[in-house]
């Protein structure tokens, strides 16, 4: 018995030495499979969207066909609601579920998530709900990575890297944006950097992007032409744009959470029937204001390519805003990336046209503000400014706006932070975990897990010897990575900022200990001499 327990404890450490090469190979496999599944998802979405456009042309002016279409949409809403009831993990974006999986608070049934998200996402987005394909793509990729990790028979800590790699691959394949996929995995999904994350996420994202471009071509998602860089003397105006989208982003987050609460309080409406309302609303909007239905890709390009009157753009913005939070609140499978980018583009266009009238700037620069506001809206809502900057750069295929994108993104991020707005996925994850608290947790002290804890400058750990650290009970510091060199920890070893601590802990204690150590390694410990 003693020997069995001894081997159980040492098993993660023995495998740790060959992890880099192992994750490199497995990351390629995850990227390939995730890329293929997301490509299939995008292909089905394209067919569904074309079918919707053809049907819309057919039913115009025919009351009987319009009524039949509304009934068909209601039935589709019921079907999507049934899918969400059968597998609740496919509800909404899917990114909070992925983060919960990495925190060990949620356990996705990977094959059910992949199938449910594929079918439910195609029905929801194909019908024209104001939702995006990126959230489902991230969750599909993460679930594929989870499934492959279980097929590979890897350890628990390896599983987390492959889930992150799958999420990175999903975003890369969804938008032909491999760099954004890698940064998103570090900045939002995994929330800290390590060489192992970079190896797995980068190989998966690059492989998924290769697969995606084999099917959909090498071009960027958006084709914007003849947009010159904004002159430096107008850069002061970017601060106003950043503040504006920051404030609107905070309002969007609060409206989104309010929509979720309203649907939950509607006891007269069964949970499986909630998607019926936005599905029927799609049918109405398709007849009176078709520009605002769907994710918003066409709306963004139309705002950039054509001169739309200020009043019309403002109307599109208000209706798109309300319709997006309404669709997401119903729990239908779909993300918010693309709709929030569309909202950002509309708001930026309003800002640019207003400056033309107020300050007399050239109309040639309105499109600059349109594009820049997309990144700012992303930064204020998701609170991932680096991802937003890189994402818009890759989606537009131009690096000429990089500095301006960064200024707007950082300003929007700071504005949202000053207004004490919680990042949208943290809010959604908190709601999700609150619903999971009644589930039983298994306490199996025989299963061990390895945690990676990055040490930040001036944190509680920075500059202390190991023997001085106030480590939580039931964990053991077994390794330190410093500048690519692996150190054996001793009592007098001094921890430095930039170190990555490897901690061994029972699997059942991993979520609690990970949160405590992350807080200690990041919390600022100001020293007064």
Foldseek 3Di string as FASTA:
>chain_A
DVVLLVCLQCVVVVVVVVLLVVLLVLLLVLLQVLLVLLLVLVVLLVVLQVVLVVLLVVCPPPVVSLVVQLVVLLVLLLVLLVLCVVPVCLFFLNLLVLLCVLLVLDDHPLVSNSVSNSVLVSSCQSLFFQFADLSSLLNNSLSSLLVVCVVVVDAPQSSSLSSLLRSLSSNCLRFVFNVLSLLCSCVPRNVHDDSSSNSSNNSSNVSSSVSSCVPVNDDGQDAFPDQAFDDPVCLVVLLVLLLVLLVVLLVLLVLLVVLLVVVVPPPVADLSSLSSVLSSVSSVCCNVPVCLTHNNSVVLNCVRPDPDDLVVLVVSLVVNSVSNSSNSSSRRRGHNLSSLLNNQLSSLLNSLVVCCVPVVDDPSCSNVSSLLSSLSNCCSQQVSNVSSLSSSCRNHVHCSCSVSSSSSSVSSSVSSVVVVRDHNSVVVSVVVSVVSVVPDADDDQSRKDKDKAAAAPQFLQAFDFPLPDPADPFKDFAWKADPNDIDGHDRRDRDHHGIITIMMGGPSCSSVRNVVRNCRRPPHNDDDD
